[in-house]
Amino acid sequence: MGTALKMGPAYFPAVLGWLLAFIGVLSLARSFLRKGTPVPRFAWKPLLLITGAAVVFGLIVRNAGLAIALPLFVLMTAFASVKFRWGPSLALAAVTTVFCALVFVKGLGVPLPLVGRWFSGWLGG
C-alpha cells in the first residue's frame, strides 16, 4: 500500500475510501442534530426505471450494439423524470450515442460493437 511519501497502487483508493466514510459518518451524525424538512414519499418509478435501464444496457450492449443499447438507456432514464418530453429526450439520445461512439469506440478503441449481431444482418453487416 505504501505511505504518504511513497504511495503504492492501493494508497489513494484506500485513503479516499476512509475520507468518504468519515464524511458519511459526519453527515449521519449531523442529520440527527439538525431539524430539517421531512423526507417525501419514496419515488419507486425513477428507482426502478434507472436501475432497470442500467441492467438492460448491460444485458444487451454486446448483442444489440452501442447504437441500440445507449439510446434505449438514455430514453429509459429520461422517462424517470417528471419533466420527460420526447423531443429533447430523443435529441439527447442521438447526441450521446454519436459522442460515445466517436470518443469511446473510435477514439479510445473500446471493444464494443456499434451494431451487434442481433441487428447486423438487417443492416448488411
N, C-alpha and C. Protein backbone atom coordinates (compact mmCIF):
# COMPACT_ATOMS: atom_id res chain seq x y z
N MET A 1 0.83 -1.19 0.00
CA MET A 1 0.00 0.00 0.00
C MET A 1 0.87 1.25 0.00
N GLY A 2 1.89 1.27 0.80
CA GLY A 2 2.78 2.41 0.80
C GLY A 2 2.46 3.42 1.88
N THR A 3 3.15 4.56 1.81
CA THR A 3 2.96 5.65 2.77
C THR A 3 2.62 6.92 2.00
N ALA A 4 2.43 8.00 2.75
CA ALA A 4 2.11 9.28 2.11
C ALA A 4 3.27 9.78 1.26
N LEU A 5 4.50 9.48 1.64
CA LEU A 5 5.67 9.92 0.88
C LEU A 5 6.00 8.96 -0.26
N LYS A 6 5.67 7.71 -0.10
CA LYS A 6 5.95 6.71 -1.14
C LYS A 6 4.69 5.87 -1.34
N MET A 7 3.77 6.41 -2.16
CA MET A 7 2.47 5.79 -2.34
C MET A 7 2.54 4.58 -3.25
N GLY A 8 1.88 3.52 -2.81
CA GLY A 8 1.73 2.34 -3.64
C GLY A 8 0.41 2.42 -4.41
N PRO A 9 0.10 1.37 -5.19
CA PRO A 9 -1.10 1.42 -6.03
C PRO A 9 -2.41 1.43 -5.24
N ALA A 10 -2.41 0.97 -4.00
CA ALA A 10 -3.65 0.92 -3.23
C ALA A 10 -3.80 2.11 -2.28
N TYR A 11 -2.80 2.97 -2.21
CA TYR A 11 -2.84 4.05 -1.23
C TYR A 11 -3.97 5.03 -1.48
N PHE A 12 -4.06 5.57 -2.70
CA PHE A 12 -5.07 6.59 -2.98
C PHE A 12 -6.49 6.05 -2.82
N PRO A 13 -6.85 4.88 -3.38
CA PRO A 13 -8.22 4.39 -3.17
C PRO A 13 -8.54 4.13 -1.69
N ALA A 14 -7.56 3.65 -0.93
CA ALA A 14 -7.81 3.38 0.49
C ALA A 14 -8.05 4.69 1.25
N VAL A 15 -7.19 5.68 1.03
CA VAL A 15 -7.35 6.97 1.72
C VAL A 15 -8.65 7.63 1.30
N LEU A 16 -8.96 7.59 0.02
CA LEU A 16 -10.21 8.16 -0.46
C LEU A 16 -11.42 7.47 0.17
N GLY A 17 -11.36 6.15 0.27
CA GLY A 17 -12.45 5.40 0.89
C GLY A 17 -12.65 5.78 2.35
N TRP A 18 -11.55 5.92 3.10
CA TRP A 18 -11.66 6.31 4.50
C TRP A 18 -12.18 7.75 4.65
N LEU A 19 -11.74 8.64 3.77
CA LEU A 19 -12.25 10.02 3.82
C LEU A 19 -13.75 10.08 3.52
N LEU A 20 -14.19 9.32 2.53
CA LEU A 20 -15.62 9.30 2.21
C LEU A 20 -16.43 8.68 3.34
N ALA A 21 -15.91 7.64 3.97
CA ALA A 21 -16.59 7.04 5.11
C ALA A 21 -16.69 8.03 6.27
N PHE A 22 -15.63 8.77 6.51
CA PHE A 22 -15.62 9.78 7.58
C PHE A 22 -16.65 10.88 7.30
N ILE A 23 -16.69 11.35 6.06
CA ILE A 23 -17.68 12.36 5.68
C ILE A 23 -19.10 11.80 5.84
N GLY A 24 -19.29 10.54 5.49
CA GLY A 24 -20.60 9.91 5.66
C GLY A 24 -21.03 9.84 7.12
N VAL A 25 -20.10 9.48 8.01
CA VAL A 25 -20.40 9.41 9.44
C VAL A 25 -20.73 10.80 9.97
N LEU A 26 -19.97 11.82 9.55
CA LEU A 26 -20.27 13.20 9.96
C LEU A 26 -21.65 13.64 9.48
N SER A 27 -21.98 13.32 8.25
CA SER A 27 -23.29 13.70 7.71
C SER A 27 -24.41 12.99 8.46
N LEU A 28 -24.21 11.73 8.77
CA LEU A 28 -25.23 10.98 9.51
C LEU A 28 -25.42 11.57 10.91
N ALA A 29 -24.33 11.87 11.59
CA ALA A 29 -24.43 12.45 12.93
C ALA A 29 -25.13 13.81 12.88
N ARG A 30 -24.79 14.62 11.89
CA ARG A 30 -25.40 15.94 11.75
C ARG A 30 -26.90 15.84 11.48
N SER A 31 -27.32 14.79 10.77
CA SER A 31 -28.74 14.66 10.46
C SER A 31 -29.59 14.41 11.70
N PHE A 32 -29.00 13.87 12.75
CA PHE A 32 -29.74 13.67 13.99
C PHE A 32 -29.75 14.91 14.87
N LEU A 33 -28.88 15.84 14.61
CA LEU A 33 -28.75 17.03 15.44
C LEU A 33 -29.52 18.23 14.90
N ARG A 34 -29.81 18.25 13.61
CA ARG A 34 -30.48 19.40 13.00
C ARG A 34 -31.89 19.04 12.57
N LYS A 35 -32.76 20.00 12.70
CA LYS A 35 -34.13 19.84 12.24
C LYS A 35 -34.16 20.11 10.74
N GLY A 36 -34.88 19.31 10.00
CA GLY A 36 -34.94 19.50 8.56
C GLY A 36 -36.33 19.20 8.05
N THR A 37 -36.49 19.32 6.76
CA THR A 37 -37.78 19.00 6.15
C THR A 37 -37.95 17.49 6.11
N PRO A 38 -39.16 17.01 6.27
CA PRO A 38 -39.38 15.57 6.24
C PRO A 38 -39.11 15.00 4.84
N VAL A 39 -38.69 13.77 4.82
CA VAL A 39 -38.42 13.09 3.55
C VAL A 39 -39.76 12.78 2.88
N PRO A 40 -39.89 13.14 1.60
CA PRO A 40 -41.16 12.89 0.91
C PRO A 40 -41.38 11.40 0.65
N ARG A 41 -42.54 11.10 0.11
CA ARG A 41 -42.89 9.73 -0.23
C ARG A 41 -41.83 9.16 -1.17
N PHE A 42 -41.50 7.89 -0.99
CA PHE A 42 -40.44 7.27 -1.78
C PHE A 42 -40.85 7.17 -3.24
N ALA A 43 -39.95 7.52 -4.14
CA ALA A 43 -40.22 7.53 -5.57
C ALA A 43 -39.77 6.21 -6.19
N TRP A 44 -40.70 5.27 -6.33
CA TRP A 44 -40.38 3.95 -6.86
C TRP A 44 -40.14 3.97 -8.37
N LYS A 45 -40.93 4.76 -9.10
CA LYS A 45 -40.82 4.77 -10.56
C LYS A 45 -39.41 5.14 -11.03
N PRO A 46 -38.83 6.25 -10.57
CA PRO A 46 -37.47 6.58 -11.02
C PRO A 46 -36.44 5.52 -10.60
N LEU A 47 -36.58 5.01 -9.39
CA LEU A 47 -35.64 3.99 -8.92
C LEU A 47 -35.66 2.77 -9.82
N LEU A 48 -36.85 2.28 -10.13
CA LEU A 48 -36.97 1.08 -10.96
C LEU A 48 -36.55 1.34 -12.41
N LEU A 49 -36.91 2.50 -12.95
CA LEU A 49 -36.54 2.80 -14.34
C LEU A 49 -35.03 2.98 -14.51
N ILE A 50 -34.40 3.68 -13.60
CA ILE A 50 -32.96 3.92 -13.73
C ILE A 50 -32.18 2.64 -13.48
N THR A 51 -32.57 1.88 -12.46
CA THR A 51 -31.90 0.61 -12.22
C THR A 51 -32.14 -0.35 -13.37
N GLY A 52 -33.39 -0.41 -13.85
CA GLY A 52 -33.71 -1.28 -14.98
C GLY A 52 -32.96 -0.88 -16.24
N ALA A 53 -32.79 0.41 -16.46
CA ALA A 53 -32.07 0.88 -17.64
C ALA A 53 -30.61 0.42 -17.61
N ALA A 54 -29.99 0.50 -16.44
CA ALA A 54 -28.60 0.05 -16.32
C ALA A 54 -28.49 -1.46 -16.56
N VAL A 55 -29.44 -2.21 -16.01
CA VAL A 55 -29.43 -3.67 -16.20
C VAL A 55 -29.66 -4.02 -17.67
N VAL A 56 -30.66 -3.40 -18.28
CA VAL A 56 -30.96 -3.67 -19.70
C VAL A 56 -29.76 -3.31 -20.57
N PHE A 57 -29.13 -2.17 -20.33
CA PHE A 57 -27.96 -1.77 -21.09
C PHE A 57 -26.87 -2.83 -20.99
N GLY A 58 -26.58 -3.25 -19.77
CA GLY A 58 -25.54 -4.26 -19.57
C GLY A 58 -25.85 -5.58 -20.24
N LEU A 59 -27.12 -5.95 -20.27
CA LEU A 59 -27.51 -7.22 -20.87
C LEU A 59 -27.50 -7.21 -22.39
N ILE A 60 -27.80 -6.06 -23.01
CA ILE A 60 -27.97 -6.06 -24.46
C ILE A 60 -26.85 -5.39 -25.25
N VAL A 61 -25.93 -4.69 -24.60
CA VAL A 61 -24.96 -3.89 -25.36
C VAL A 61 -24.07 -4.75 -26.26
N ARG A 62 -23.70 -5.93 -25.85
CA ARG A 62 -22.84 -6.78 -26.69
C ARG A 62 -23.57 -7.33 -27.90
N ASN A 63 -24.83 -7.73 -27.73
CA ASN A 63 -25.57 -8.36 -28.82
C ASN A 63 -26.34 -7.36 -29.68
N ALA A 64 -26.82 -6.28 -29.09
CA ALA A 64 -27.58 -5.28 -29.85
C ALA A 64 -26.66 -4.19 -30.39
N GLY A 65 -25.59 -3.91 -29.69
CA GLY A 65 -24.66 -2.87 -30.10
C GLY A 65 -24.91 -1.55 -29.38
N LEU A 66 -23.90 -0.71 -29.39
CA LEU A 66 -23.98 0.58 -28.71
C LEU A 66 -25.04 1.49 -29.32
N ALA A 67 -25.22 1.40 -30.63
CA ALA A 67 -26.18 2.28 -31.32
C ALA A 67 -27.62 1.97 -30.95
N ILE A 68 -27.89 0.81 -30.38
CA ILE A 68 -29.24 0.45 -29.93
C ILE A 68 -29.34 0.58 -28.41
N ALA A 69 -28.35 0.05 -27.70
CA ALA A 69 -28.40 0.00 -26.24
C ALA A 69 -28.32 1.37 -25.60
N LEU A 70 -27.48 2.25 -26.12
CA LEU A 70 -27.31 3.56 -25.49
C LEU A 70 -28.54 4.47 -25.64
N PRO A 71 -29.14 4.58 -26.83
CA PRO A 71 -30.37 5.39 -26.89
C PRO A 71 -31.49 4.82 -26.01
N LEU A 72 -31.59 3.49 -25.95
CA LEU A 72 -32.59 2.88 -25.08
C LEU A 72 -32.33 3.24 -23.62
N PHE A 73 -31.06 3.20 -23.23
CA PHE A 73 -30.68 3.58 -21.86
C PHE A 73 -31.05 5.04 -21.57
N VAL A 74 -30.71 5.92 -22.49
CA VAL A 74 -30.99 7.35 -22.28
C VAL A 74 -32.49 7.59 -22.20
N LEU A 75 -33.27 6.95 -23.06
CA LEU A 75 -34.72 7.15 -23.04
C LEU A 75 -35.35 6.59 -21.77
N MET A 76 -34.89 5.42 -21.32
CA MET A 76 -35.44 4.84 -20.09
C MET A 76 -35.14 5.71 -18.88
N THR A 77 -33.92 6.24 -18.80
CA THR A 77 -33.59 7.08 -17.65
C THR A 77 -34.29 8.44 -17.74
N ALA A 78 -34.44 8.96 -18.95
CA ALA A 78 -35.15 10.24 -19.11
C ALA A 78 -36.62 10.08 -18.73
N PHE A 79 -37.20 8.92 -19.04
CA PHE A 79 -38.60 8.67 -18.72
C PHE A 79 -38.86 8.65 -17.21
N ALA A 80 -37.81 8.49 -16.43
CA ALA A 80 -37.94 8.50 -14.97
C ALA A 80 -38.24 9.90 -14.43
N SER A 81 -37.99 10.92 -15.21
CA SER A 81 -38.20 12.30 -14.77
C SER A 81 -39.66 12.71 -14.94
N VAL A 82 -40.13 13.55 -14.04
CA VAL A 82 -41.48 14.10 -14.18
C VAL A 82 -41.53 15.14 -15.29
N LYS A 83 -40.36 15.61 -15.74
CA LYS A 83 -40.28 16.60 -16.81
C LYS A 83 -39.96 15.96 -18.16
N PHE A 84 -40.22 14.67 -18.31
CA PHE A 84 -39.91 13.95 -19.55
C PHE A 84 -40.67 14.53 -20.74
N ARG A 85 -39.94 14.77 -21.84
CA ARG A 85 -40.51 15.19 -23.11
C ARG A 85 -39.79 14.40 -24.20
N TRP A 86 -40.55 13.93 -25.21
CA TRP A 86 -39.98 13.09 -26.25
C TRP A 86 -38.91 13.79 -27.08
N GLY A 87 -39.17 15.02 -27.50
CA GLY A 87 -38.23 15.72 -28.37
C GLY A 87 -36.84 15.88 -27.77
N PRO A 88 -36.73 16.52 -26.61
CA PRO A 88 -35.40 16.67 -26.00
C PRO A 88 -34.75 15.33 -25.65
N SER A 89 -35.57 14.36 -25.26
CA SER A 89 -35.01 13.06 -24.89
C SER A 89 -34.43 12.33 -26.11
N LEU A 90 -35.12 12.39 -27.24
CA LEU A 90 -34.60 11.78 -28.46
C LEU A 90 -33.34 12.49 -28.95
N ALA A 91 -33.33 13.82 -28.83
CA ALA A 91 -32.13 14.58 -29.22
C ALA A 91 -30.95 14.23 -28.32
N LEU A 92 -31.19 14.13 -27.02
CA LEU A 92 -30.13 13.76 -26.09
C LEU A 92 -29.62 12.35 -26.39
N ALA A 93 -30.53 11.43 -26.68
CA ALA A 93 -30.13 10.06 -27.01
C ALA A 93 -29.25 10.03 -28.26
N ALA A 94 -29.62 10.80 -29.27
CA ALA A 94 -28.85 10.83 -30.52
C ALA A 94 -27.46 11.43 -30.30
N VAL A 95 -27.41 12.57 -29.64
CA VAL A 95 -26.13 13.25 -29.40
C VAL A 95 -25.23 12.39 -28.52
N THR A 96 -25.78 11.80 -27.48
CA THR A 96 -25.00 10.96 -26.59
C THR A 96 -24.44 9.75 -27.32
N THR A 97 -25.24 9.14 -28.17
CA THR A 97 -24.80 7.96 -28.91
C THR A 97 -23.67 8.31 -29.87
N VAL A 98 -23.82 9.39 -30.62
CA VAL A 98 -22.76 9.80 -31.55
C VAL A 98 -21.48 10.14 -30.78
N PHE A 99 -21.62 10.89 -29.70
CA PHE A 99 -20.47 11.28 -28.90
C PHE A 99 -19.74 10.05 -28.35
N CYS A 100 -20.48 9.12 -27.74
CA CYS A 100 -19.86 7.93 -27.17
C CYS A 100 -19.24 7.03 -28.23
N ALA A 101 -19.89 6.93 -29.39
CA ALA A 101 -19.32 6.13 -30.48
C ALA A 101 -18.00 6.73 -30.95
N LEU A 102 -17.96 8.04 -31.09
CA LEU A 102 -16.73 8.69 -31.55
C LEU A 102 -15.62 8.63 -30.51
N VAL A 103 -15.95 8.95 -29.27
CA VAL A 103 -14.92 9.02 -28.23
C VAL A 103 -14.46 7.63 -27.79
N PHE A 104 -15.41 6.78 -27.41
CA PHE A 104 -15.03 5.51 -26.81
C PHE A 104 -14.70 4.42 -27.83
N VAL A 105 -15.54 4.24 -28.82
CA VAL A 105 -15.31 3.16 -29.78
C VAL A 105 -14.23 3.53 -30.79
N LYS A 106 -14.38 4.68 -31.44
CA LYS A 106 -13.40 5.07 -32.46
C LYS A 106 -12.13 5.66 -31.85
N GLY A 107 -12.27 6.60 -30.93
CA GLY A 107 -11.10 7.29 -30.37
C GLY A 107 -10.28 6.44 -29.42
N LEU A 108 -10.92 5.81 -28.44
CA LEU A 108 -10.20 5.05 -27.43
C LEU A 108 -10.11 3.56 -27.75
N GLY A 109 -10.86 3.11 -28.73
CA GLY A 109 -10.80 1.70 -29.12
C GLY A 109 -11.46 0.74 -28.15
N VAL A 110 -12.47 1.19 -27.41
CA VAL A 110 -13.19 0.30 -26.51
C VAL A 110 -13.88 -0.77 -27.36
N PRO A 111 -13.69 -2.04 -27.02
CA PRO A 111 -14.22 -3.10 -27.88
C PRO A 111 -15.72 -3.34 -27.72
N LEU A 112 -16.52 -2.36 -28.09
CA LEU A 112 -17.97 -2.50 -28.10
C LEU A 112 -18.44 -2.38 -29.54
N PRO A 113 -19.31 -3.27 -29.98
CA PRO A 113 -19.81 -3.14 -31.35
C PRO A 113 -20.79 -1.99 -31.46
N LEU A 114 -20.71 -1.24 -32.55
CA LEU A 114 -21.71 -0.19 -32.78
C LEU A 114 -23.05 -0.82 -33.11
N VAL A 115 -23.02 -1.85 -33.93
CA VAL A 115 -24.22 -2.63 -34.24
C VAL A 115 -23.89 -4.08 -33.92
N GLY A 116 -24.64 -4.66 -33.00
CA GLY A 116 -24.37 -6.02 -32.57
C GLY A 116 -24.91 -7.06 -33.52
N ARG A 117 -24.68 -8.32 -33.17
CA ARG A 117 -25.07 -9.41 -34.06
C ARG A 117 -26.57 -9.56 -34.20
N TRP A 118 -27.35 -9.05 -33.25
CA TRP A 118 -28.81 -9.12 -33.38
C TRP A 118 -29.30 -8.32 -34.58
N PHE A 119 -28.62 -7.24 -34.92
CA PHE A 119 -29.06 -6.35 -35.97
C PHE A 119 -28.12 -6.28 -37.17
N SER A 120 -26.99 -6.95 -37.12
CA SER A 120 -26.02 -6.83 -38.21
C SER A 120 -26.55 -7.39 -39.53
N GLY A 121 -27.39 -8.40 -39.50
CA GLY A 121 -27.98 -8.94 -40.73
C GLY A 121 -28.95 -7.98 -41.37
N TRP A 122 -29.66 -7.20 -40.55
CA TRP A 122 -30.65 -6.23 -41.07
C TRP A 122 -29.96 -5.06 -41.76
N LEU A 123 -28.76 -4.75 -41.27
CA LEU A 123 -28.06 -3.56 -41.76
C LEU A 123 -26.96 -3.91 -42.76
N GLY A 124 -26.94 -5.15 -43.22
CA GLY A 124 -25.97 -5.53 -44.24
C GLY A 124 -24.58 -5.77 -43.72
N GLY A 125 -24.42 -6.02 -42.40
CA GLY A 125 -23.08 -6.20 -41.85
C GLY A 125 -22.70 -7.60 -41.59
